[in-house]
């Protein structure tokens, strides 16, 4: 466990950010144990990239280059940051995703919009002094983001969403290439019927819990107090289990075969970095 140095005050500030972690092996050419890593955050709507490179051992704000197309409006990150294609992707599930290569001297910002028909109007600004309005806006954003997810599956960036009513239509898309020029619809399943056939009943739209990282046909949904596994290719439920404890979010995890015999490329204490056996608590 590597404890990163603080920046701009208390370590608790991390909870306010959407940092992502990206590793690199053999200068970006290999797929073995990583020999360097970057932790980065997209701040001030792309005015800067705040990053930590393992070889530098300190935080630095880097001015990025804005690519084409430019961001149509300020983004509000509302899911975990995704690592894919040698880049970190920050996601606004009402608009799209931006990505950068955090190792680059001048990171280029690329933007890909959500599929046609999925882009929503910018959430209305509210008076921060009115707690009721703030809570109402937060609940609206949560309702949307519970039904949407961007993740990596079978080596491609994918997007899935559930419609809020009717048959609860679950759609899955794949990014057509690493450059992020558009999405291709792959599957659509009417969930209300598929869940009923599988012995489940959904009064409200199911939540997307996680995309299967190794099988693009599989999506995990939260239906009531259960996690239900849907096979998008055949349009049916193939499994499920009861949630243990309070549900917050699920994160896909694939452990590489070399993990048990490898070491993080930073040892001891250097430039404020400290290796520790203690678990870090992010409050």
C-alpha atoms as a PDB file:
ATOM      1  CA  UNK A   1       0.000   0.000   0.000  1.00  0.00           C
ATOM      2  CA  UNK A   2       1.462   3.343  -1.075  1.00  0.00           C
ATOM      3  CA  UNK A   3       0.388   6.443   0.794  1.00  0.00           C
ATOM      4  CA  UNK A   4       0.399   9.416  -1.560  1.00  0.00           C
ATOM      5  CA  UNK A   5       1.481  12.812  -0.225  1.00  0.00           C
ATOM      6  CA  UNK A   6      -1.169  15.366   0.674  1.00  0.00           C
ATOM      7  CA  UNK A   7      -1.982  18.238  -1.591  1.00  0.00           C
ATOM      8  CA  UNK A   8      -3.662  21.542  -0.750  1.00  0.00           C
ATOM      9  CA  UNK A   9      -4.423  20.536   2.805  1.00  0.00           C
ATOM     10  CA  UNK A  10      -5.941  17.511   4.478  1.00  0.00           C
ATOM     11  CA  UNK A  11      -6.039  14.069   2.920  1.00  0.00           C
ATOM     12  CA  UNK A  12      -9.815  14.132   3.420  1.00  0.00           C
ATOM     13  CA  UNK A  13      -9.941  16.431   0.363  1.00  0.00           C
ATOM     14  CA  UNK A  14      -9.669  13.311  -1.800  1.00  0.00           C
ATOM     15  CA  UNK A  15     -13.338  12.584  -1.150  1.00  0.00           C
ATOM     16  CA  UNK A  16     -14.253  15.732  -3.086  1.00  0.00           C
ATOM     17  CA  UNK A  17     -12.467  14.685  -6.249  1.00  0.00           C
ATOM     18  CA  UNK A  18     -12.797  12.082  -9.012  1.00  0.00           C
ATOM     19  CA  UNK A  19      -9.275  10.754  -9.208  1.00  0.00           C
ATOM     20  CA  UNK A  20      -8.269   7.909 -11.468  1.00  0.00           C
ATOM     21  CA  UNK A  21      -5.317   5.526 -11.417  1.00  0.00           C
ATOM     22  CA  UNK A  22      -3.499   4.372 -14.565  1.00  0.00           C
ATOM     23  CA  UNK A  23      -0.498   2.042 -14.708  1.00  0.00           C
ATOM     24  CA  UNK A  24       2.005   1.574 -17.518  1.00  0.00           C
ATOM     25  CA  UNK A  25       4.370  -1.299 -18.309  1.00  0.00           C
ATOM     26  CA  UNK A  26       7.446  -1.198 -20.558  1.00  0.00           C
ATOM     27  CA  UNK A  27       6.854   2.393 -21.582  1.00  0.00           C
ATOM     28  CA  UNK A  28       3.273   1.647 -22.570  1.00  0.00           C
ATOM     29  CA  UNK A  29       4.144  -1.276 -24.871  1.00  0.00           C
ATOM     30  CA  UNK A  30       3.788  -4.265 -22.557  1.00  0.00           C
ATOM     31  CA  UNK A  31       1.055  -5.885 -20.518  1.00  0.00           C
ATOM     32  CA  UNK A  32       3.109  -7.288 -17.636  1.00  0.00           C
ATOM     33  CA  UNK A  33       3.639  -5.855 -14.163  1.00  0.00           C
ATOM     34  CA  UNK A  34       3.540  -2.026 -14.177  1.00  0.00           C
ATOM     35  CA  UNK A  35       6.776  -0.083 -13.822  1.00  0.00           C
ATOM     36  CA  UNK A  36       5.114   3.320 -13.341  1.00  0.00           C
ATOM     37  CA  UNK A  37       1.746   4.773 -12.477  1.00  0.00           C
ATOM     38  CA  UNK A  38      -0.191   8.020 -12.569  1.00  0.00           C
ATOM     39  CA  UNK A  39      -2.988   9.334 -10.367  1.00  0.00           C
ATOM     40  CA  UNK A  40      -4.860  12.250 -11.913  1.00  0.00           C
ATOM     41  CA  UNK A  41      -7.922  14.457 -11.563  1.00  0.00           C
ATOM     42  CA  UNK A  42      -9.793  16.601 -14.098  1.00  0.00           C
ATOM     43  CA  UNK A  43     -10.253  19.992 -12.415  1.00  0.00           C
ATOM     44  CA  UNK A  44     -11.852  23.339 -13.251  1.00  0.00           C
ATOM     45  CA  UNK A  45     -13.623  21.780 -16.246  1.00  0.00           C
ATOM     46  CA  UNK A  46     -10.344  20.992 -17.952  1.00  0.00           C
ATOM     47  CA  UNK A  47      -8.426  24.152 -17.118  1.00  0.00           C
ATOM     48  CA  UNK A  48      -5.891  21.883 -15.430  1.00  0.00           C
ATOM     49  CA  UNK A  49      -5.034  18.243 -14.851  1.00  0.00           C
ATOM     50  CA  UNK A  50      -3.853  17.590 -11.315  1.00  0.00           C
ATOM     51  CA  UNK A  51      -1.563  14.586 -11.433  1.00  0.00           C
ATOM     52  CA  UNK A  52       0.889  12.495  -9.449  1.00  0.00           C
ATOM     53  CA  UNK A  53       3.521  10.520 -11.398  1.00  0.00           C
ATOM     54  CA  UNK A  54       5.337   7.743  -9.565  1.00  0.00           C
ATOM     55  CA  UNK A  55       8.718   8.738 -11.016  1.00  0.00           C
ATOM     56  CA  UNK A  56       8.283  12.347  -9.851  1.00  0.00           C
ATOM     57  CA  UNK A  57       6.849  11.622  -6.411  1.00  0.00           C
ATOM     58  CA  UNK A  58       4.841  14.838  -6.121  1.00  0.00           C
ATOM     59  CA  UNK A  59       1.602  16.489  -7.204  1.00  0.00           C
ATOM     60  CA  UNK A  60       1.680  18.881 -10.131  1.00  0.00           C
ATOM     61  CA  UNK A  61      -0.976  20.874 -11.997  1.00  0.00           C
ATOM     62  CA  UNK A  62      -0.546  20.558 -15.775  1.00  0.00           C
ATOM     63  CA  UNK A  63      -2.273  22.731 -18.376  1.00  0.00           C
ATOM     64  CA  UNK A  64      -3.886  20.413 -20.955  1.00  0.00           C
ATOM     65  CA  UNK A  65      -4.526  20.868 -24.659  1.00  0.00           C
ATOM     66  CA  UNK A  66      -8.208  20.886 -25.635  1.00  0.00           C
ATOM     67  CA  UNK A  67      -8.878  18.621 -28.577  1.00  0.00           C
ATOM     68  CA  UNK A  68     -11.812  18.467 -30.969  1.00  0.00           C
ATOM     69  CA  UNK A  69     -14.705  18.584 -30.264  1.00  0.00           C
ATOM     70  CA  UNK A  70     -14.516  20.989 -27.354  1.00  0.00           C
ATOM     71  CA  UNK A  71     -16.685  20.511 -24.276  1.00  0.00           C
ATOM     72  CA  UNK A  72     -20.228  21.745 -24.964  1.00  0.00           C
ATOM     73  CA  UNK A  73     -20.823  22.695 -21.326  1.00  0.00           C
ATOM     74  CA  UNK A  74     -19.282  22.275 -17.860  1.00  0.00           C
ATOM     75  CA  UNK A  75     -19.212  18.635 -16.807  1.00  0.00           C
ATOM     76  CA  UNK A  76     -20.351  17.193 -13.494  1.00  0.00           C
ATOM     77  CA  UNK A  77     -18.556  13.895 -12.837  1.00  0.00           C
ATOM     78  CA  UNK A  78     -20.984  11.408 -11.330  1.00  0.00           C
ATOM     79  CA  UNK A  79     -19.455   7.953 -11.540  1.00  0.00           C
ATOM     80  CA  UNK A  80     -16.039   6.439 -10.880  1.00  0.00           C
ATOM     81  CA  UNK A  81     -13.196   7.355 -13.242  1.00  0.00           C
ATOM     82  CA  UNK A  82     -12.401   4.652 -15.821  1.00  0.00           C
ATOM     83  CA  UNK A  83      -8.977   3.563 -17.106  1.00  0.00           C
ATOM     84  CA  UNK A  84      -9.042   2.462 -20.759  1.00  0.00           C
ATOM     85  CA  UNK A  85      -6.831   2.640 -23.839  1.00  0.00           C
ATOM     86  CA  UNK A  86      -3.883   4.254 -22.053  1.00  0.00           C
ATOM     87  CA  UNK A  87      -6.111   7.106 -20.868  1.00  0.00           C
ATOM     88  CA  UNK A  88      -8.249   8.095 -17.889  1.00  0.00           C
ATOM     89  CA  UNK A  89     -11.925   8.781 -18.594  1.00  0.00           C
ATOM     90  CA  UNK A  90     -14.046  11.111 -16.451  1.00  0.00           C
ATOM     91  CA  UNK A  91     -17.778  10.556 -16.868  1.00  0.00           C
ATOM     92  CA  UNK A  92     -20.813  12.826 -16.747  1.00  0.00           C
ATOM     93  CA  UNK A  93     -23.750  10.450 -17.245  1.00  0.00           C
ATOM     94  CA  UNK A  94     -25.987  13.255 -18.501  1.00  0.00           C
ATOM     95  CA  UNK A  95     -23.553  14.313 -21.231  1.00  0.00           C
ATOM     96  CA  UNK A  96     -20.542  12.109 -22.044  1.00  0.00           C
ATOM     97  CA  UNK A  97     -16.930  11.474 -21.091  1.00  0.00           C
ATOM     98  CA  UNK A  98     -13.603  13.271 -21.341  1.00  0.00           C
ATOM     99  CA  UNK A  99     -10.253  11.509 -21.414  1.00  0.00           C
ATOM    100  CA  UNK A 100      -6.557  12.337 -21.178  1.00  0.00           C
ATOM    101  CA  UNK A 101      -3.243  10.502 -21.182  1.00  0.00           C
ATOM    102  CA  UNK A 102      -1.979  11.465 -17.702  1.00  0.00           C
ATOM    103  CA  UNK A 103       1.615  10.554 -18.615  1.00  0.00           C
ATOM    104  CA  UNK A 104       1.817  13.064 -21.487  1.00  0.00           C
ATOM    105  CA  UNK A 105       3.789  16.295 -21.103  1.00  0.00           C
ATOM    106  CA  UNK A 106       0.794  18.210 -22.484  1.00  0.00           C
ATOM    107  CA  UNK A 107      -2.255  15.970 -22.001  1.00  0.00           C
ATOM    108  CA  UNK A 108      -4.812  16.329 -24.795  1.00  0.00           C
ATOM    109  CA  UNK A 109      -8.451  16.407 -23.710  1.00  0.00           C
ATOM    110  CA  UNK A 110     -10.758  14.311 -25.882  1.00  0.00           C
ATOM    111  CA  UNK A 111     -14.523  14.373 -25.522  1.00  0.00           C
ATOM    112  CA  UNK A 112     -17.079  11.769 -26.582  1.00  0.00           C
ATOM    113  CA  UNK A 113     -20.790  12.486 -26.234  1.00  0.00           C
ATOM    114  CA  UNK A 114     -23.286   9.882 -25.057  1.00  0.00           C
ATOM    115  CA  UNK A 115     -25.270   8.069 -27.775  1.00  0.00           C
ATOM    116  CA  UNK A 116     -27.870  10.071 -29.647  1.00  0.00           C
ATOM    117  CA  UNK A 117     -30.973  10.493 -27.508  1.00  0.00           C
ATOM    118  CA  UNK A 118     -29.135   9.892 -24.228  1.00  0.00           C
ATOM    119  CA  UNK A 119     -27.763  13.419 -23.752  1.00  0.00           C
ATOM    120  CA  UNK A 120     -29.843  15.271 -21.170  1.00  0.00           C
ATOM    121  CA  UNK A 121     -30.227  19.032 -20.626  1.00  0.00           C
ATOM    122  CA  UNK A 122     -27.806  20.547 -18.153  1.00  0.00           C
ATOM    123  CA  UNK A 123     -29.213  20.241 -14.622  1.00  0.00           C
ATOM    124  CA  UNK A 124     -30.689  23.529 -13.472  1.00  0.00           C
ATOM    125  CA  UNK A 125     -28.577  25.533 -11.068  1.00  0.00           C
ATOM    126  CA  UNK A 126     -30.059  25.868  -7.611  1.00  0.00           C
ATOM    127  CA  UNK A 127     -29.604  28.245  -4.720  1.00  0.00           C
ATOM    128  CA  UNK A 128     -27.028  26.525  -2.500  1.00  0.00           C
ATOM    129  CA  UNK A 129     -28.607  28.278   0.487  1.00  0.00           C
ATOM    130  CA  UNK A 130     -31.876  26.368  -0.058  1.00  0.00           C
ATOM    131  CA  UNK A 131     -31.281  22.830   1.292  1.00  0.00           C
ATOM    132  CA  UNK A 132     -34.560  21.531  -0.146  1.00  0.00           C
ATOM    133  CA  UNK A 133     -33.617  22.568  -3.676  1.00  0.00           C
ATOM    134  CA  UNK A 134     -30.121  21.141  -3.247  1.00  0.00           C
ATOM    135  CA  UNK A 135     -31.541  17.809  -2.077  1.00  0.00           C
ATOM    136  CA  UNK A 136     -34.093  17.739  -4.906  1.00  0.00           C
ATOM    137  CA  UNK A 137     -31.387  18.306  -7.503  1.00  0.00           C
ATOM    138  CA  UNK A 138     -29.180  15.655  -5.904  1.00  0.00           C
ATOM    139  CA  UNK A 139     -31.989  13.089  -5.988  1.00  0.00           C
ATOM    140  CA  UNK A 140     -32.686  13.871  -9.653  1.00  0.00           C
ATOM    141  CA  UNK A 141     -29.036  13.336 -10.602  1.00  0.00           C
ATOM    142  CA  UNK A 142     -28.893  10.134  -8.544  1.00  0.00           C
ATOM    143  CA  UNK A 143     -32.002   8.772 -10.253  1.00  0.00           C
ATOM    144  CA  UNK A 144     -30.372   9.270 -13.662  1.00  0.00           C
ATOM    145  CA  UNK A 145     -26.939   7.946 -12.733  1.00  0.00           C
ATOM    146  CA  UNK A 146     -28.378   4.833 -11.086  1.00  0.00           C
ATOM    147  CA  UNK A 147     -29.749   3.822 -14.490  1.00  0.00           C
ATOM    148  CA  UNK A 148     -26.550   4.492 -16.481  1.00  0.00           C
ATOM    149  CA  UNK A 149     -22.964   3.265 -16.487  1.00  0.00           C
ATOM    150  CA  UNK A 150     -19.779   3.556 -18.546  1.00  0.00           C
ATOM    151  CA  UNK A 151     -17.181   0.828 -18.108  1.00  0.00           C
ATOM    152  CA  UNK A 152     -14.738  -1.510 -19.807  1.00  0.00           C
ATOM    153  CA  UNK A 153     -15.748  -4.969 -21.003  1.00  0.00           C
ATOM    154  CA  UNK A 154     -13.951  -7.329 -23.395  1.00  0.00           C
ATOM    155  CA  UNK A 155     -11.338  -4.663 -24.064  1.00  0.00           C
ATOM    156  CA  UNK A 156     -13.743  -1.959 -25.233  1.00  0.00           C
ATOM    157  CA  UNK A 157     -15.342   1.049 -23.585  1.00  0.00           C
ATOM    158  CA  UNK A 158     -19.071   0.456 -23.209  1.00  0.00           C
ATOM    159  CA  UNK A 159     -22.147   2.364 -22.120  1.00  0.00           C
ATOM    160  CA  UNK A 160     -25.411   0.942 -20.781  1.00  0.00           C
ATOM    161  CA  UNK A 161     -28.669   2.558 -19.728  1.00  0.00           C
ATOM    162  CA  UNK A 162     -32.166   1.635 -18.547  1.00  0.00           C
ATOM    163  CA  UNK A 163     -35.215   3.679 -19.555  1.00  0.00           C
ATOM    164  CA  UNK A 164     -37.167   4.980 -16.539  1.00  0.00           C
ATOM    165  CA  UNK A 165     -40.574   3.516 -17.443  1.00  0.00           C
ATOM    166  CA  UNK A 166     -42.557   1.231 -19.711  1.00  0.00           C
ATOM    167  CA  UNK A 167     -40.741  -2.036 -20.475  1.00  0.00           C
ATOM    168  CA  UNK A 168     -37.575  -0.790 -18.718  1.00  0.00           C
ATOM    169  CA  UNK A 169     -35.539  -1.070 -21.912  1.00  0.00           C
ATOM    170  CA  UNK A 170     -31.896  -1.947 -21.202  1.00  0.00           C
ATOM    171  CA  UNK A 171     -29.535  -0.845 -24.004  1.00  0.00           C
ATOM    172  CA  UNK A 172     -25.813  -1.476 -24.337  1.00  0.00           C
ATOM    173  CA  UNK A 173     -23.382   0.343 -26.647  1.00  0.00           C
ATOM    174  CA  UNK A 174     -19.682   0.017 -27.512  1.00  0.00           C
ATOM    175  CA  UNK A 175     -17.327   2.847 -28.404  1.00  0.00           C
ATOM    176  CA  UNK A 176     -16.487   2.342 -32.058  1.00  0.00           C
ATOM    177  CA  UNK A 177     -12.722   2.951 -31.608  1.00  0.00           C
ATOM    178  CA  UNK A 178     -10.121   4.187 -29.128  1.00  0.00           C
ATOM    179  CA  UNK A 179     -10.399   7.701 -30.569  1.00  0.00           C
ATOM    180  CA  UNK A 180     -13.928   7.901 -29.251  1.00  0.00           C
ATOM    181  CA  UNK A 181     -15.789   9.137 -32.326  1.00  0.00           C
ATOM    182  CA  UNK A 182     -19.142   7.475 -31.585  1.00  0.00           C
ATOM    183  CA  UNK A 183     -21.136   4.604 -30.107  1.00  0.00           C
ATOM    184  CA  UNK A 184     -22.571   1.463 -31.708  1.00  0.00           C
ATOM    185  CA  UNK A 185     -25.753  -0.090 -30.311  1.00  0.00           C
ATOM    186  CA  UNK A 186     -25.133  -3.783 -29.569  1.00  0.00           C
ATOM    187  CA  UNK A 187     -28.101  -5.083 -27.544  1.00  0.00           C
ATOM    188  CA  UNK A 188     -31.509  -4.079 -26.219  1.00  0.00           C
ATOM    189  CA  UNK A 189     -33.584  -6.088 -23.736  1.00  0.00           C
ATOM    190  CA  UNK A 190     -37.074  -5.389 -22.346  1.00  0.00           C
ATOM    191  CA  UNK A 191     -36.280  -5.892 -18.667  1.00  0.00           C
ATOM    192  CA  UNK A 192     -39.807  -5.995 -17.255  1.00  0.00           C
ATOM    193  CA  UNK A 193     -40.577  -9.205 -19.108  1.00  0.00           C
ATOM    194  CA  UNK A 194     -37.085 -10.717 -18.736  1.00  0.00           C
ATOM    195  CA  UNK A 195     -37.153 -10.128 -14.972  1.00  0.00           C
ATOM    196  CA  UNK A 196     -40.664 -11.564 -14.634  1.00  0.00           C
ATOM    197  CA  UNK A 197     -39.600 -14.699 -16.537  1.00  0.00           C
ATOM    198  CA  UNK A 198     -36.651 -14.990 -14.147  1.00  0.00           C
ATOM    199  CA  UNK A 199     -38.837 -14.685 -11.048  1.00  0.00           C
ATOM    200  CA  UNK A 200     -38.163 -11.009 -10.242  1.00  0.00           C
ATOM    201  CA  UNK A 201     -40.521  -8.052 -10.058  1.00  0.00           C
ATOM    202  CA  UNK A 202     -39.421  -4.438 -10.527  1.00  0.00           C
ATOM    203  CA  UNK A 203     -41.761  -1.597  -9.618  1.00  0.00           C
ATOM    204  CA  UNK A 204     -39.104   1.037 -10.364  1.00  0.00           C
ATOM    205  CA  UNK A 205     -36.428   1.022 -13.052  1.00  0.00           C
ATOM    206  CA  UNK A 206     -33.611  -1.394 -12.110  1.00  0.00           C
ATOM    207  CA  UNK A 207     -30.242   0.133 -11.354  1.00  0.00           C
ATOM    208  CA  UNK A 208     -27.141  -0.806 -13.332  1.00  0.00           C
ATOM    209  CA  UNK A 209     -24.759  -2.208 -10.737  1.00  0.00           C
ATOM    210  CA  UNK A 210     -21.763  -3.064 -12.928  1.00  0.00           C
ATOM    211  CA  UNK A 211     -20.731  -4.174 -16.423  1.00  0.00           C
ATOM    212  CA  UNK A 212     -19.010  -7.548 -16.557  1.00  0.00           C
ATOM    213  CA  UNK A 213     -15.338  -6.803 -17.359  1.00  0.00           C
ATOM    214  CA  UNK A 214     -14.725 -10.000 -19.369  1.00  0.00           C
ATOM    215  CA  UNK A 215     -18.091 -10.728 -21.032  1.00  0.00           C
ATOM    216  CA  UNK A 216     -19.773  -7.860 -22.888  1.00  0.00           C
ATOM    217  CA  UNK A 217     -23.081  -9.768 -22.966  1.00  0.00           C
ATOM    218  CA  UNK A 218     -23.410  -9.725 -19.167  1.00  0.00           C
ATOM    219  CA  UNK A 219     -24.739  -6.815 -17.092  1.00  0.00           C
ATOM    220  CA  UNK A 220     -25.401  -6.883 -13.351  1.00  0.00           C
ATOM    221  CA  UNK A 221     -28.498  -5.027 -12.154  1.00  0.00           C
ATOM    222  CA  UNK A 222     -29.789  -4.067  -8.726  1.00  0.00           C
ATOM    223  CA  UNK A 223     -33.440  -5.069  -8.433  1.00  0.00           C
ATOM    224  CA  UNK A 224     -34.798  -4.357  -4.973  1.00  0.00           C
ATOM    225  CA  UNK A 225     -32.430  -6.085  -2.559  1.00  0.00           C
ATOM    226  CA  UNK A 226     -31.007  -8.442  -5.189  1.00  0.00           C
ATOM    227  CA  UNK A 227     -28.216  -8.323  -7.749  1.00  0.00           C
ATOM    228  CA  UNK A 228     -29.555  -9.880 -10.948  1.00  0.00           C
ATOM    229  CA  UNK A 229     -27.406 -11.089 -13.849  1.00  0.00           C
ATOM    230  CA  UNK A 230     -28.806 -10.408 -17.323  1.00  0.00           C
ATOM    231  CA  UNK A 231     -27.555 -12.052 -20.513  1.00  0.00           C
ATOM    232  CA  UNK A 232     -27.996  -9.309 -23.113  1.00  0.00           C
ATOM    233  CA  UNK A 233     -27.381 -11.655 -26.039  1.00  0.00           C
ATOM    234  CA  UNK A 234     -30.217 -14.041 -25.153  1.00  0.00           C
ATOM    235  CA  UNK A 235     -32.345 -11.444 -23.355  1.00  0.00           C
ATOM    236  CA  UNK A 236     -32.864 -13.411 -20.148  1.00  0.00           C
ATOM    237  CA  UNK A 237     -31.898 -13.591 -16.478  1.00  0.00           C
ATOM    238  CA  UNK A 238     -29.166 -16.149 -15.817  1.00  0.00           C
ATOM    239  CA  UNK A 239     -28.540 -15.642 -12.102  1.00  0.00           C
ATOM    240  CA  UNK A 240     -28.883 -13.497  -9.040  1.00  0.00           C
ATOM    241  CA  UNK A 241     -28.071 -13.207  -5.359  1.00  0.00           C
ATOM    242  CA  UNK A 242     -29.154 -11.268  -2.294  1.00  0.00           C
ATOM    243  CA  UNK A 243     -27.169  -8.129  -1.505  1.00  0.00           C
ATOM    244  CA  UNK A 244     -25.106  -8.357   1.648  1.00  0.00           C
ATOM    245  CA  UNK A 245     -25.303  -5.202   3.760  1.00  0.00           C
ATOM    246  CA  UNK A 246     -26.169  -1.718   2.516  1.00  0.00           C
ATOM    247  CA  UNK A 247     -25.708  -1.283  -1.221  1.00  0.00           C
ATOM    248  CA  UNK A 248     -23.579   1.651  -2.342  1.00  0.00           C
ATOM    249  CA  UNK A 249     -21.822   0.590  -5.531  1.00  0.00           C
ATOM    250  CA  UNK A 250     -20.073  -2.368  -7.109  1.00  0.00           C
ATOM    251  CA  UNK A 251     -16.708  -2.128  -8.856  1.00  0.00           C
ATOM    252  CA  UNK A 252     -15.479  -4.662 -11.459  1.00  0.00           C
ATOM    253  CA  UNK A 253     -12.111  -6.211 -10.646  1.00  0.00           C
ATOM    254  CA  UNK A 254      -9.914  -8.480 -12.765  1.00  0.00           C
ATOM    255  CA  UNK A 255      -6.739  -9.694 -11.053  1.00  0.00           C
ATOM    256  CA  UNK A 256      -3.819 -10.295 -13.462  1.00  0.00           C
ATOM    257  CA  UNK A 257      -1.852 -13.556 -13.049  1.00  0.00           C
ATOM    258  CA  UNK A 258       1.397 -11.721 -12.242  1.00  0.00           C
ATOM    259  CA  UNK A 259      -0.079  -9.760  -9.310  1.00  0.00           C
ATOM    260  CA  UNK A 260       1.059 -12.104  -6.557  1.00  0.00           C
ATOM    261  CA  UNK A 261       4.722 -11.988  -7.567  1.00  0.00           C
ATOM    262  CA  UNK A 262       5.052  -8.287  -8.441  1.00  0.00           C
ATOM    263  CA  UNK A 263       5.889  -5.167  -6.450  1.00  0.00           C
ATOM    264  CA  UNK A 264       4.688  -1.599  -6.774  1.00  0.00           C
ATOM    265  CA  UNK A 265       7.655   0.386  -8.222  1.00  0.00           C
ATOM    266  CA  UNK A 266       8.138   2.534  -5.132  1.00  0.00           C
ATOM    267  CA  UNK A 267       9.751   1.399  -1.898  1.00  0.00           C
ATOM    268  CA  UNK A 268      10.423   2.947   1.484  1.00  0.00           C
ATOM    269  CA  UNK A 269       9.888   6.681   1.741  1.00  0.00           C
ATOM    270  CA  UNK A 270      10.882   9.186  -0.909  1.00  0.00           C
ATOM    271  CA  UNK A 271       9.707  12.707  -1.634  1.00  0.00           C
ATOM    272  CA  UNK A 272       6.778  12.373   0.743  1.00  0.00           C
ATOM    273  CA  UNK A 273       5.675   8.925  -0.497  1.00  0.00           C
ATOM    274  CA  UNK A 274       5.415   6.287   2.186  1.00  0.00           C
ATOM    275  CA  UNK A 275       4.859   2.553   1.772  1.00  0.00           C
ATOM    276  CA  UNK A 276       2.711   1.161   4.569  1.00  0.00           C
ATOM    277  CA  UNK A 277       0.985  -2.076   5.497  1.00  0.00           C
ATOM    278  CA  UNK A 278      -1.933  -0.136   6.948  1.00  0.00           C
ATOM    279  CA  UNK A 279      -5.160   0.252   5.018  1.00  0.00           C
ATOM    280  CA  UNK A 280      -5.840   3.862   4.088  1.00  0.00           C
ATOM    281  CA  UNK A 281      -9.190   5.248   5.204  1.00  0.00           C
ATOM    282  CA  UNK A 282     -10.653   7.816   2.777  1.00  0.00           C
ATOM    283  CA  UNK A 283     -13.048   9.974   4.801  1.00  0.00           C
END
